[in-house]
PDB file of N, CA and C in Angstrom:
ATOM      1  N   MET A   1      10.192  -8.591  -1.902  1.00  0.00           N
ATOM      2  CA  MET A   1       8.831  -8.112  -2.470  1.00  0.00           C
ATOM      3  C   MET A   1       8.955  -6.584  -2.762  1.00  0.00           C
ATOM      4  N   LYS A   2       8.498  -6.290  -3.924  1.00  0.00           N
ATOM      5  CA  LYS A   2       8.651  -4.840  -4.460  1.00  0.00           C
ATOM      6  C   LYS A   2       7.238  -4.100  -4.074  1.00  0.00           C
ATOM      7  N   ILE A   3       7.386  -2.961  -3.592  1.00  0.00           N
ATOM      8  CA  ILE A   3       6.284  -2.152  -3.232  1.00  0.00           C
ATOM      9  C   ILE A   3       6.352  -0.829  -3.926  1.00  0.00           C
ATOM     10  N   LYS A   4       5.135  -0.269  -4.304  1.00  0.00           N
ATOM     11  CA  LYS A   4       4.983   1.030  -4.806  1.00  0.00           C
ATOM     12  C   LYS A   4       4.059   1.913  -3.651  1.00  0.00           C
ATOM     13  N   LEU A   5       4.669   2.924  -3.134  1.00  0.00           N
ATOM     14  CA  LEU A   5       3.947   3.655  -2.270  1.00  0.00           C
ATOM     15  C   LEU A   5       3.159   4.890  -3.184  1.00  0.00           C
ATOM     16  N   ASP A   6       2.019   5.138  -2.770  1.00  0.00           N
ATOM     17  CA  ASP A   6       1.279   6.258  -3.411  1.00  0.00           C
ATOM     18  C   ASP A   6       2.008   7.503  -3.046  1.00  0.00           C
ATOM     19  N   GLU A   7       1.706   8.555  -3.891  1.00  0.00           N
ATOM     20  CA  GLU A   7       2.323   9.789  -3.529  1.00  0.00           C
ATOM     21  C   GLU A   7       1.940  10.435  -2.284  1.00  0.00           C
ATOM     22  N   ASN A   8       0.729   9.975  -1.706  1.00  0.00           N
ATOM     23  CA  ASN A   8       0.306  10.546  -0.477  1.00  0.00           C
ATOM     24  C   ASN A   8       1.041   9.996   0.882  1.00  0.00           C
ATOM     25  N   LEU A   9       1.925   9.121   0.560  1.00  0.00           N
ATOM     26  CA  LEU A   9       2.842   8.716   1.638  1.00  0.00           C
ATOM     27  C   LEU A   9       4.216   9.208   1.590  1.00  0.00           C
ATOM     28  N   GLY A  10       4.670   9.585   2.798  1.00  0.00           N
ATOM     29  CA  GLY A  10       5.988  10.264   2.814  1.00  0.00           C
ATOM     30  C   GLY A  10       7.174   9.313   2.906  1.00  0.00           C
ATOM     31  N   LYS A  11       8.300   9.962   2.973  1.00  0.00           N
ATOM     32  CA  LYS A  11       9.648   9.258   2.972  1.00  0.00           C
ATOM     33  C   LYS A  11       9.695   8.366   4.234  1.00  0.00           C
ATOM     34  N   SER A  12       8.965   8.778   5.360  1.00  0.00           N
ATOM     35  CA  SER A  12       9.021   8.081   6.668  1.00  0.00           C
ATOM     36  C   SER A  12       8.490   6.681   6.426  1.00  0.00           C
ATOM     37  N   ALA A  13       7.334   6.545   5.588  1.00  0.00           N
ATOM     38  CA  ALA A  13       6.873   5.256   5.339  1.00  0.00           C
ATOM     39  C   ALA A  13       7.754   4.301   4.457  1.00  0.00           C
ATOM     40  N   LEU A  14       8.407   5.000   3.594  1.00  0.00           N
ATOM     41  CA  LEU A  14       9.499   4.409   2.747  1.00  0.00           C
ATOM     42  C   LEU A  14      10.586   3.825   3.618  1.00  0.00           C
ATOM     43  N   VAL A  15      11.070   4.483   4.645  1.00  0.00           N
ATOM     44  CA  VAL A  15      12.077   4.167   5.533  1.00  0.00           C
ATOM     45  C   VAL A  15      11.606   2.794   6.282  1.00  0.00           C
ATOM     46  N   VAL A  16      10.331   2.910   6.909  1.00  0.00           N
ATOM     47  CA  VAL A  16       9.784   1.752   7.585  1.00  0.00           C
ATOM     48  C   VAL A  16       9.786   0.515   6.812  1.00  0.00           C
ATOM     49  N   LEU A  17       9.427   0.567   5.545  1.00  0.00           N
ATOM     50  CA  LEU A  17       9.334  -0.577   4.651  1.00  0.00           C
ATOM     51  C   LEU A  17      10.722  -0.997   4.275  1.00  0.00           C
ATOM     52  N   ARG A  18      11.608  -0.141   3.916  1.00  0.00           N
ATOM     53  CA  ARG A  18      13.084  -0.510   3.647  1.00  0.00           C
ATOM     54  C   ARG A  18      13.735  -1.220   4.750  1.00  0.00           C
ATOM     55  N   GLU A  19      13.563  -0.689   5.937  1.00  0.00           N
ATOM     56  CA  GLU A  19      14.230  -1.237   7.225  1.00  0.00           C
ATOM     57  C   GLU A  19      13.594  -2.666   7.495  1.00  0.00           C
ATOM     58  N   ALA A  20      12.429  -2.877   6.969  1.00  0.00           N
ATOM     59  CA  ALA A  20      11.717  -4.255   7.202  1.00  0.00           C
ATOM     60  C   ALA A  20      12.239  -5.173   6.082  1.00  0.00           C
ATOM     61  N   GLY A  21      12.985  -4.711   5.044  1.00  0.00           N
ATOM     62  CA  GLY A  21      13.511  -5.565   4.104  1.00  0.00           C
ATOM     63  C   GLY A  21      12.814  -5.526   2.772  1.00  0.00           C
ATOM     64  N   TYR A  22      11.876  -4.558   2.617  1.00  0.00           N
ATOM     65  CA  TYR A  22      11.050  -4.444   1.295  1.00  0.00           C
ATOM     66  C   TYR A  22      11.873  -3.501   0.396  1.00  0.00           C
ATOM     67  N   GLU A  23      11.729  -3.786  -0.962  1.00  0.00           N
ATOM     68  CA  GLU A  23      12.127  -2.935  -1.937  1.00  0.00           C
ATOM     69  C   GLU A  23      10.881  -1.930  -2.169  1.00  0.00           C
ATOM     70  N   ALA A  24      10.987  -0.796  -1.771  1.00  0.00           N
ATOM     71  CA  ALA A  24       9.835   0.200  -1.850  1.00  0.00           C
ATOM     72  C   ALA A  24      10.379   1.417  -2.551  1.00  0.00           C
ATOM     73  N   GLU A  25       9.370   1.931  -3.243  1.00  0.00           N
ATOM     74  CA  GLU A  25       9.622   3.244  -4.113  1.00  0.00           C
ATOM     75  C   GLU A  25       8.508   4.137  -3.983  1.00  0.00           C
ATOM     76  N   ARG A  26       8.820   5.465  -4.119  1.00  0.00           N
ATOM     77  CA  ARG A  26       7.670   6.563  -4.206  1.00  0.00           C
ATOM     78  C   ARG A  26       7.628   6.917  -5.619  1.00  0.00           C
ATOM     79  N   PRO A  27       6.529   7.515  -6.087  1.00  0.00           N
ATOM     80  CA  PRO A  27       6.486   7.977  -7.441  1.00  0.00           C
ATOM     81  C   PRO A  27       7.535   8.946  -7.841  1.00  0.00           C
ATOM     82  N   SER A  28       7.867   9.877  -6.870  1.00  0.00           N
ATOM     83  CA  SER A  28       8.822  10.914  -7.099  1.00  0.00           C
ATOM     84  C   SER A  28      10.260  10.403  -7.424  1.00  0.00           C
ATOM     85  N   GLU A  29      10.503   9.095  -6.975  1.00  0.00           N
ATOM     86  CA  GLU A  29      11.713   8.448  -7.247  1.00  0.00           C
ATOM     87  C   GLU A  29      11.818   7.860  -8.706  1.00  0.00           C
ATOM     88  N   GLU A  30      10.766   7.860  -9.368  1.00  0.00           N
ATOM     89  CA  GLU A  30      10.736   7.201 -10.622  1.00  0.00           C
ATOM     90  C   GLU A  30       9.998   8.192 -11.634  1.00  0.00           C
ATOM     91  N   GLY A  31      10.189   9.451 -11.388  1.00  0.00           N
ATOM     92  CA  GLY A  31       9.583  10.454 -12.323  1.00  0.00           C
ATOM     93  C   GLY A  31       8.094  10.421 -12.440  1.00  0.00           C
ATOM     94  N   LEU A  32       7.409  10.034 -11.564  1.00  0.00           N
ATOM     95  CA  LEU A  32       5.957  10.008 -11.530  1.00  0.00           C
ATOM     96  C   LEU A  32       5.287  11.007 -10.591  1.00  0.00           C
ATOM     97  N   ALA A  33       6.011  11.837 -10.101  1.00  0.00           N
ATOM     98  CA  ALA A  33       5.530  12.886  -9.053  1.00  0.00           C
ATOM     99  C   ALA A  33       4.353  13.827  -9.806  1.00  0.00           C
ATOM    100  N   GLY A  34       3.358  13.905  -9.166  1.00  0.00           N
ATOM    101  CA  GLY A  34       2.224  14.753  -9.731  1.00  0.00           C
ATOM    102  C   GLY A  34       1.205  14.034 -10.774  1.00  0.00           C
ATOM    103  N   TYR A  35       1.604  12.765 -11.043  1.00  0.00           N
ATOM    104  CA  TYR A  35       0.762  12.054 -11.950  1.00  0.00           C
ATOM    105  C   TYR A  35      -0.579  11.579 -11.187  1.00  0.00           C
ATOM    106  N   PRO A  36      -1.676  11.488 -12.029  1.00  0.00           N
ATOM    107  CA  PRO A  36      -2.943  11.075 -11.492  1.00  0.00           C
ATOM    108  C   PRO A  36      -2.832   9.603 -10.850  1.00  0.00           C
ATOM    109  N   ASP A  37      -3.724   9.329  -9.914  1.00  0.00           N
ATOM    110  CA  ASP A  37      -3.665   8.038  -9.343  1.00  0.00           C
ATOM    111  C   ASP A  37      -3.834   6.882 -10.436  1.00  0.00           C
ATOM    112  N   GLU A  38      -4.548   7.114 -11.386  1.00  0.00           N
ATOM    113  CA  GLU A  38      -4.752   6.008 -12.382  1.00  0.00           C
ATOM    114  C   GLU A  38      -3.411   5.652 -13.105  1.00  0.00           C
ATOM    115  N   GLN A  39      -2.558   6.665 -13.407  1.00  0.00           N
ATOM    116  CA  GLN A  39      -1.291   6.382 -13.961  1.00  0.00           C
ATOM    117  C   GLN A  39      -0.246   5.771 -12.964  1.00  0.00           C
ATOM    118  N   ILE A  40      -0.335   6.102 -11.707  1.00  0.00           N
ATOM    119  CA  ILE A  40       0.534   5.489 -10.812  1.00  0.00           C
ATOM    120  C   ILE A  40       0.051   4.084 -10.553  1.00  0.00           C
ATOM    121  N   TRP A  41      -1.199   3.855 -10.509  1.00  0.00           N
ATOM    122  CA  TRP A  41      -1.730   2.465 -10.330  1.00  0.00           C
ATOM    123  C   TRP A  41      -1.328   1.623 -11.551  1.00  0.00           C
ATOM    124  N   GLU A  42      -1.467   2.176 -12.734  1.00  0.00           N
ATOM    125  CA  GLU A  42      -1.081   1.408 -14.002  1.00  0.00           C
ATOM    126  C   GLU A  42       0.333   1.058 -13.913  1.00  0.00           C
ATOM    127  N   PHE A  43       1.139   1.958 -13.599  1.00  0.00           N
ATOM    128  CA  PHE A  43       2.712   1.775 -13.626  1.00  0.00           C
ATOM    129  C   PHE A  43       2.860   0.572 -12.557  1.00  0.00           C
ATOM    130  N   ALA A  44       2.303   0.696 -11.350  1.00  0.00           N
ATOM    131  CA  ALA A  44       2.545  -0.318 -10.235  1.00  0.00           C
ATOM    132  C   ALA A  44       2.076  -1.744 -10.826  1.00  0.00           C
ATOM    133  N   GLN A  45       0.912  -1.775 -11.574  1.00  0.00           N
ATOM    134  CA  GLN A  45       0.498  -2.980 -12.037  1.00  0.00           C
ATOM    135  C   GLN A  45       1.337  -3.559 -13.132  1.00  0.00           C
ATOM    136  N   SER A  46       1.756  -2.665 -13.947  1.00  0.00           N
ATOM    137  CA  SER A  46       2.676  -3.150 -15.126  1.00  0.00           C
ATOM    138  C   SER A  46       3.983  -3.774 -14.593  1.00  0.00           C
ATOM    139  N   GLN A  47       4.426  -3.425 -13.357  1.00  0.00           N
ATOM    140  CA  GLN A  47       5.600  -3.812 -12.852  1.00  0.00           C
ATOM    141  C   GLN A  47       5.339  -4.787 -11.679  1.00  0.00           C
ATOM    142  N   GLY A  48       4.079  -5.251 -11.573  1.00  0.00           N
ATOM    143  CA  GLY A  48       3.793  -6.228 -10.559  1.00  0.00           C
ATOM    144  C   GLY A  48       4.120  -5.854  -9.039  1.00  0.00           C
ATOM    145  N   LEU A  49       3.873  -4.568  -8.779  1.00  0.00           N
ATOM    146  CA  LEU A  49       4.163  -4.068  -7.521  1.00  0.00           C
ATOM    147  C   LEU A  49       2.921  -4.080  -6.429  1.00  0.00           C
ATOM    148  N   PHE A  50       3.127  -4.423  -5.289  1.00  0.00           N
ATOM    149  CA  PHE A  50       2.159  -4.301  -4.179  1.00  0.00           C
ATOM    150  C   PHE A  50       2.042  -2.811  -4.020  1.00  0.00           C
ATOM    151  N   PHE A  51       0.803  -2.300  -3.717  1.00  0.00           N
ATOM    152  CA  PHE A  51       0.568  -0.840  -3.621  1.00  0.00           C
ATOM    153  C   PHE A  51      -0.015  -0.498  -2.336  1.00  0.00           C
ATOM    154  N   ILE A  52       0.664   0.592  -1.680  1.00  0.00           N
ATOM    155  CA  ILE A  52       0.266   1.016  -0.445  1.00  0.00           C
ATOM    156  C   ILE A  52      -0.194   2.505  -0.519  1.00  0.00           C
ATOM    157  N   THR A  53      -1.389   2.940   0.022  1.00  0.00           N
ATOM    158  CA  THR A  53      -1.857   4.172  -0.199  1.00  0.00           C
ATOM    159  C   THR A  53      -2.759   4.588   1.043  1.00  0.00           C
ATOM    160  N   LEU A  54      -2.972   5.927   1.073  1.00  0.00           N
ATOM    161  CA  LEU A  54      -3.936   6.480   2.155  1.00  0.00           C
ATOM    162  C   LEU A  54      -5.330   6.687   1.383  1.00  0.00           C
ATOM    163  N   ASP A  55      -5.404   6.442   0.099  1.00  0.00           N
ATOM    164  CA  ASP A  55      -6.506   6.944  -0.777  1.00  0.00           C
ATOM    165  C   ASP A  55      -7.488   5.767  -0.778  1.00  0.00           C
ATOM    166  N   VAL A  56      -8.674   6.040  -0.085  1.00  0.00           N
ATOM    167  CA  VAL A  56      -9.810   5.088   0.131  1.00  0.00           C
ATOM    168  C   VAL A  56     -10.445   4.677  -1.193  1.00  0.00           C
ATOM    169  N   ASP A  57     -10.297   5.459  -2.277  1.00  0.00           N
ATOM    170  CA  ASP A  57     -10.853   5.059  -3.548  1.00  0.00           C
ATOM    171  C   ASP A  57     -10.423   3.722  -3.994  1.00  0.00           C
ATOM    172  N   PHE A  58      -9.277   3.308  -3.458  1.00  0.00           N
ATOM    173  CA  PHE A  58      -8.686   1.937  -3.928  1.00  0.00           C
ATOM    174  C   PHE A  58      -9.359   0.861  -3.143  1.00  0.00           C
ATOM    175  N   SER A  59     -10.367   1.165  -2.297  1.00  0.00           N
ATOM    176  CA  SER A  59     -11.032   0.093  -1.525  1.00  0.00           C
ATOM    177  C   SER A  59     -12.326  -0.553  -2.259  1.00  0.00           C
ATOM    178  N   ASP A  60     -12.553   0.055  -3.355  1.00  0.00           N
ATOM    179  CA  ASP A  60     -13.720  -0.502  -4.119  1.00  0.00           C
ATOM    180  C   ASP A  60     -13.408  -1.891  -4.781  1.00  0.00           C
ATOM    181  N   ILE A  61     -13.984  -2.921  -4.135  1.00  0.00           N
ATOM    182  CA  ILE A  61     -13.547  -4.201  -4.604  1.00  0.00           C
ATOM    183  C   ILE A  61     -14.172  -4.561  -5.917  1.00  0.00           C
ATOM    184  N   ARG A  62     -15.118  -3.765  -6.440  1.00  0.00           N
ATOM    185  CA  ARG A  62     -15.635  -4.048  -7.830  1.00  0.00           C
ATOM    186  C   ARG A  62     -14.615  -3.469  -8.793  1.00  0.00           C
ATOM    187  N   LYS A  63     -13.861  -2.405  -8.522  1.00  0.00           N
ATOM    188  CA  LYS A  63     -12.852  -1.965  -9.315  1.00  0.00           C
ATOM    189  C   LYS A  63     -11.495  -2.642  -9.128  1.00  0.00           C
ATOM    190  N   TYR A  64     -11.269  -3.154  -7.863  1.00  0.00           N
ATOM    191  CA  TYR A  64      -9.962  -3.655  -7.489  1.00  0.00           C
ATOM    192  C   TYR A  64     -10.203  -5.041  -6.910  1.00  0.00           C
ATOM    193  N   PRO A  65     -10.774  -6.006  -7.529  1.00  0.00           N
ATOM    194  CA  PRO A  65     -11.125  -7.194  -6.970  1.00  0.00           C
ATOM    195  C   PRO A  65      -9.885  -7.980  -6.368  1.00  0.00           C
ATOM    196  N   PRO A  66      -9.845  -8.477  -5.263  1.00  0.00           N
ATOM    197  CA  PRO A  66      -8.721  -9.332  -4.793  1.00  0.00           C
ATOM    198  C   PRO A  66      -8.390 -10.426  -5.786  1.00  0.00           C
ATOM    199  N   GLY A  67      -7.133 -10.561  -6.049  1.00  0.00           N
ATOM    200  CA  GLY A  67      -6.679 -11.653  -6.992  1.00  0.00           C
ATOM    201  C   GLY A  67      -6.423 -11.249  -8.434  1.00  0.00           C
ATOM    202  N   THR A  68      -6.819  -9.833  -8.613  1.00  0.00           N
ATOM    203  CA  THR A  68      -6.589  -9.293  -9.977  1.00  0.00           C
ATOM    204  C   THR A  68      -5.414  -8.360 -10.069  1.00  0.00           C
ATOM    205  N   HIS A  69      -4.709  -8.222  -8.957  1.00  0.00           N
ATOM    206  CA  HIS A  69      -3.626  -7.325  -8.772  1.00  0.00           C
ATOM    207  C   HIS A  69      -2.521  -7.971  -7.775  1.00  0.00           C
ATOM    208  N   PRO A  70      -1.373  -7.300  -7.658  1.00  0.00           N
ATOM    209  CA  PRO A  70      -0.360  -7.885  -6.788  1.00  0.00           C
ATOM    210  C   PRO A  70      -0.615  -7.606  -5.345  1.00  0.00           C
ATOM    211  N   GLY A  71      -1.687  -6.711  -4.995  1.00  0.00           N
ATOM    212  CA  GLY A  71      -2.127  -6.487  -3.607  1.00  0.00           C
ATOM    213  C   GLY A  71      -2.155  -4.846  -3.361  1.00  0.00           C
ATOM    214  N   ILE A  72      -3.175  -4.599  -2.545  1.00  0.00           N
ATOM    215  CA  ILE A  72      -3.353  -3.241  -2.070  1.00  0.00           C
ATOM    216  C   ILE A  72      -3.430  -3.199  -0.540  1.00  0.00           C
ATOM    217  N   LEU A  73      -2.648  -2.307   0.003  1.00  0.00           N
ATOM    218  CA  LEU A  73      -2.979  -1.979   1.431  1.00  0.00           C
ATOM    219  C   LEU A  73      -3.322  -0.510   1.523  1.00  0.00           C
ATOM    220  N   ILE A  74      -4.606  -0.184   2.049  1.00  0.00           N
ATOM    221  CA  ILE A  74      -5.089   1.064   2.257  1.00  0.00           C
ATOM    222  C   ILE A  74      -4.972   1.481   3.771  1.00  0.00           C
ATOM    223  N   LEU A  75      -4.237   2.566   4.167  1.00  0.00           N
ATOM    224  CA  LEU A  75      -4.175   2.996   5.499  1.00  0.00           C
ATOM    225  C   LEU A  75      -5.231   3.973   5.668  1.00  0.00           C
ATOM    226  N   ARG A  76      -6.255   3.587   6.259  1.00  0.00           N
ATOM    227  CA  ARG A  76      -7.455   4.444   6.652  1.00  0.00           C
ATOM    228  C   ARG A  76      -7.438   5.085   8.019  1.00  0.00           C
ATOM    229  N   LEU A  77      -6.687   6.027   8.205  1.00  0.00           N
ATOM    230  CA  LEU A  77      -6.217   6.491   9.543  1.00  0.00           C
ATOM    231  C   LEU A  77      -6.950   7.901   9.676  1.00  0.00           C
ATOM    232  N   SER A  78      -7.389   8.131  10.981  1.00  0.00           N
ATOM    233  CA  SER A  78      -8.083   9.239  11.420  1.00  0.00           C
ATOM    234  C   SER A  78      -7.093  10.328  11.621  1.00  0.00           C
ATOM    235  N   ASN A  79      -5.830  10.009  11.895  1.00  0.00           N
ATOM    236  CA  ASN A  79      -4.777  10.994  12.028  1.00  0.00           C
ATOM    237  C   ASN A  79      -3.674  10.483  11.132  1.00  0.00           C
ATOM    238  N   GLN A  80      -3.377  11.273  10.089  1.00  0.00           N
ATOM    239  CA  GLN A  80      -2.473  10.870   8.986  1.00  0.00           C
ATOM    240  C   GLN A  80      -1.068  11.521   9.343  1.00  0.00           C
ATOM    241  N   SER A  81      -0.806  11.823  10.422  1.00  0.00           N
ATOM    242  CA  SER A  81       0.597  12.467  10.673  1.00  0.00           C
ATOM    243  C   SER A  81       1.622  11.360  10.331  1.00  0.00           C
ATOM    244  N   ARG A  82       2.874  11.990  10.286  1.00  0.00           N
ATOM    245  CA  ARG A  82       4.023  11.041   9.857  1.00  0.00           C
ATOM    246  C   ARG A  82       4.134   9.963  10.954  1.00  0.00           C
ATOM    247  N   GLU A  83       3.957  10.338  12.189  1.00  0.00           N
ATOM    248  CA  GLU A  83       4.267   9.341  13.294  1.00  0.00           C
ATOM    249  C   GLU A  83       3.226   8.339  13.293  1.00  0.00           C
ATOM    250  N   VAL A  84       1.880   8.642  13.153  1.00  0.00           N
ATOM    251  CA  VAL A  84       0.801   7.637  13.192  1.00  0.00           C
ATOM    252  C   VAL A  84       1.030   6.706  11.915  1.00  0.00           C
ATOM    253  N   VAL A  85       1.320   7.231  10.755  1.00  0.00           N
ATOM    254  CA  VAL A  85       1.560   6.358   9.682  1.00  0.00           C
ATOM    255  C   VAL A  85       2.646   5.484   9.804  1.00  0.00           C
ATOM    256  N   LYS A  86       3.846   5.854  10.372  1.00  0.00           N
ATOM    257  CA  LYS A  86       4.880   4.956  10.694  1.00  0.00           C
ATOM    258  C   LYS A  86       4.538   3.848  11.796  1.00  0.00           C
ATOM    259  N   GLN A  87       3.931   4.374  12.743  1.00  0.00           N
ATOM    260  CA  GLN A  87       3.502   3.356  13.738  1.00  0.00           C
ATOM    261  C   GLN A  87       2.558   2.293  13.207  1.00  0.00           C
ATOM    262  N   THR A  88       1.530   2.706  12.491  1.00  0.00           N
ATOM    263  CA  THR A  88       0.660   1.742  11.939  1.00  0.00           C
ATOM    264  C   THR A  88       1.201   0.893  10.994  1.00  0.00           C
ATOM    265  N   LEU A  89       1.941   1.458  10.032  1.00  0.00           N
ATOM    266  CA  LEU A  89       2.547   0.542   9.032  1.00  0.00           C
ATOM    267  C   LEU A  89       3.591  -0.405   9.669  1.00  0.00           C
ATOM    268  N   SER A  90       4.221  -0.036  10.665  1.00  0.00           N
ATOM    269  CA  SER A  90       5.137  -1.008  11.396  1.00  0.00           C
ATOM    270  C   SER A  90       4.269  -2.107  12.025  1.00  0.00           C
ATOM    271  N   LYS A  91       3.279  -1.802  12.621  1.00  0.00           N
ATOM    272  CA  LYS A  91       2.441  -2.694  13.306  1.00  0.00           C
ATOM    273  C   LYS A  91       1.749  -3.829  12.271  1.00  0.00           C
ATOM    274  N   ILE A  92       1.363  -3.249  11.167  1.00  0.00           N
ATOM    275  CA  ILE A  92       0.828  -4.083  10.064  1.00  0.00           C
ATOM    276  C   ILE A  92       1.809  -5.120   9.572  1.00  0.00           C
ATOM    277  N   ILE A  93       2.924  -4.633   9.212  1.00  0.00           N
ATOM    278  CA  ILE A  93       3.979  -5.532   8.692  1.00  0.00           C
ATOM    279  C   ILE A  93       4.479  -6.540   9.590  1.00  0.00           C
ATOM    280  N   LYS A  94       4.350  -6.346  10.924  1.00  0.00           N
ATOM    281  CA  LYS A  94       4.710  -7.134  11.882  1.00  0.00           C
ATOM    282  C   LYS A  94       3.609  -8.358  11.981  1.00  0.00           C
ATOM    283  N   GLU A  95       2.354  -7.865  12.093  1.00  0.00           N
ATOM    284  CA  GLU A  95       1.182  -8.658  12.183  1.00  0.00           C
ATOM    285  C   GLU A  95       0.990  -9.487  10.739  1.00  0.00           C
ATOM    286  N   TYR A  96       1.095  -8.839   9.818  1.00  0.00           N
ATOM    287  CA  TYR A  96       0.857  -9.420   8.407  1.00  0.00           C
ATOM    288  C   TYR A  96       1.909  -9.050   7.488  1.00  0.00           C
ATOM    289  N   PRO A  97       2.983  -9.912   7.469  1.00  0.00           N
ATOM    290  CA  PRO A  97       4.045  -9.721   6.533  1.00  0.00           C
ATOM    291  C   PRO A  97       3.387  -9.535   5.094  1.00  0.00           C
ATOM    292  N   LEU A  98       3.795  -8.431   4.353  1.00  0.00           N
ATOM    293  CA  LEU A  98       3.201  -8.289   3.155  1.00  0.00           C
ATOM    294  C   LEU A  98       3.043  -9.433   2.240  1.00  0.00           C
ATOM    295  N   GLU A  99       3.970 -10.403   2.167  1.00  0.00           N
ATOM    296  CA  GLU A  99       3.869 -11.575   1.399  1.00  0.00           C
ATOM    297  C   GLU A  99       2.712 -12.281   1.622  1.00  0.00           C
ATOM    298  N   THR A 100       2.142 -12.265   2.970  1.00  0.00           N
ATOM    299  CA  THR A 100       0.962 -13.001   3.289  1.00  0.00           C
ATOM    300  C   THR A 100      -0.317 -12.413   2.783  1.00  0.00           C
ATOM    301  N   ILE A 101      -0.221 -11.028   2.283  1.00  0.00           N
ATOM    302  CA  ILE A 101      -1.457 -10.543   1.835  1.00  0.00           C
ATOM    303  C   ILE A 101      -1.355 -10.054   0.369  1.00  0.00           C
ATOM    304  N   LYS A 102      -0.316 -10.774  -0.195  1.00  0.00           N
ATOM    305  CA  LYS A 102      -0.237 -10.554  -1.709  1.00  0.00           C
ATOM    306  C   LYS A 102      -1.448 -10.937  -2.487  1.00  0.00           C
ATOM    307  N   GLY A 103      -2.002 -10.157  -3.436  1.00  0.00           N
ATOM    308  CA  GLY A 103      -3.170 -10.346  -4.170  1.00  0.00           C
ATOM    309  C   GLY A 103      -4.375 -10.057  -3.404  1.00  0.00           C
ATOM    310  N   CYS A 104      -4.350  -9.547  -2.184  1.00  0.00           N
ATOM    311  CA  CYS A 104      -5.364  -9.194  -1.394  1.00  0.00           C
ATOM    312  C   CYS A 104      -5.729  -7.726  -1.359  1.00  0.00           C
ATOM    313  N   LEU A 105      -6.863  -7.345  -0.966  1.00  0.00           N
ATOM    314  CA  LEU A 105      -7.241  -5.918  -0.778  1.00  0.00           C
ATOM    315  C   LEU A 105      -7.353  -5.812   0.860  1.00  0.00           C
ATOM    316  N   ALA A 106      -6.425  -5.028   1.463  1.00  0.00           N
ATOM    317  CA  ALA A 106      -6.411  -4.883   2.837  1.00  0.00           C
ATOM    318  C   ALA A 106      -6.608  -3.367   3.301  1.00  0.00           C
ATOM    319  N   VAL A 107      -7.406  -3.214   4.201  1.00  0.00           N
ATOM    320  CA  VAL A 107      -7.715  -1.843   4.795  1.00  0.00           C
ATOM    321  C   VAL A 107      -7.379  -1.939   6.242  1.00  0.00           C
ATOM    322  N   ALA A 108      -6.500  -1.017   6.651  1.00  0.00           N
ATOM    323  CA  ALA A 108      -6.139  -0.899   8.112  1.00  0.00           C
ATOM    324  C   ALA A 108      -6.284   0.381   8.708  1.00  0.00           C
ATOM    325  N   ASP A 109      -6.677   0.397   9.841  1.00  0.00           N
ATOM    326  CA  ASP A 109      -6.770   1.619  10.709  1.00  0.00           C
ATOM    327  C   ASP A 109      -5.806   1.540  11.894  1.00  0.00           C
ATOM    328  N   GLU A 110      -5.907   2.460  12.840  1.00  0.00           N
ATOM    329  CA  GLU A 110      -4.994   2.360  13.927  1.00  0.00           C
ATOM    330  C   GLU A 110      -5.137   1.086  14.693  1.00  0.00           C
ATOM    331  N   SER A 111      -6.374   0.453  14.751  1.00  0.00           N
ATOM    332  CA  SER A 111      -6.470  -0.665  15.669  1.00  0.00           C
ATOM    333  C   SER A 111      -6.711  -2.006  15.038  1.00  0.00           C
ATOM    334  N   ARG A 112      -7.050  -2.103  13.792  1.00  0.00           N
ATOM    335  CA  ARG A 112      -7.306  -3.426  13.059  1.00  0.00           C
ATOM    336  C   ARG A 112      -6.925  -3.323  11.595  1.00  0.00           C
ATOM    337  N   THR A 113      -6.858  -4.500  11.117  1.00  0.00           N
ATOM    338  CA  THR A 113      -6.587  -4.734   9.571  1.00  0.00           C
ATOM    339  C   THR A 113      -7.700  -5.573   9.175  1.00  0.00           C
ATOM    340  N   ARG A 114      -8.430  -5.178   8.117  1.00  0.00           N
ATOM    341  CA  ARG A 114      -9.349  -6.109   7.384  1.00  0.00           C
ATOM    342  C   ARG A 114      -8.840  -6.652   6.145  1.00  0.00           C
ATOM    343  N   ILE A 115      -8.918  -7.764   5.899  1.00  0.00           N
ATOM    344  CA  ILE A 115      -8.301  -8.290   4.629  1.00  0.00           C
ATOM    345  C   ILE A 115      -9.312  -9.084   3.725  1.00  0.00           C
ATOM    346  N   ARG A 116      -9.526  -8.740   2.496  1.00  0.00           N
ATOM    347  CA  ARG A 116     -10.274  -9.340   1.441  1.00  0.00           C
ATOM    348  C   ARG A 116      -9.298 -10.130   0.649  1.00  0.00           C
ATOM    349  N   ARG A 117      -9.479 -11.531   0.705  1.00  0.00           N
ATOM    350  CA  ARG A 117      -8.611 -12.468   0.039  1.00  0.00           C
ATOM    351  C   ARG A 117      -9.355 -12.777  -1.262  1.00  0.00           C
ATOM    352  N   PRO A 118      -8.514 -13.310  -2.312  1.00  0.00           N
ATOM    353  CA  PRO A 118      -9.106 -13.704  -3.610  1.00  0.00           C
ATOM    354  C   PRO A 118      -9.980 -14.818  -3.319  1.00  0.00           C
ATOM    355  N   LYS A 119     -11.137 -14.958  -4.150  1.00  0.00           N
ATOM    356  CA  LYS A 119     -11.959 -16.084  -4.058  1.00  0.00           C
ATOM    357  C   LYS A 119     -11.293 -17.290  -4.687  1.00  0.00           C
ATOM    358  N   THR A 120     -11.470 -18.428  -4.053  1.00  0.00           N
ATOM    359  CA  THR A 120     -10.744 -19.630  -4.633  1.00  0.00           C
ATOM    360  C   THR A 120     -11.768 -20.549  -5.295  1.00  0.00           C
TER     361      THR A 120
END
């Protein structure tokens, strides 16, 4: 599964995903460093990439309804330190392999993950 990390996630998140077997890239690796969120989002969508971000703007289900994109995981963390991001992301992908939330809008904090699935 291919994943696009938002620019607000560091290399440590990339390492967690790659060690779990995912093909993950950051915007800086594809010449998109400094681009606005909308352009990074459009690029991810055009490539069919699952998107992971710290940006809660992506939690608006009216703008990003489940089933209309490859999937979004928002890490809504009170502490966004590298270590907390790594621990939380590791926990999420163990509990919910990203393939199982493809097409969904998921919001996770340090203790739980809420998943909005496409309407069937």
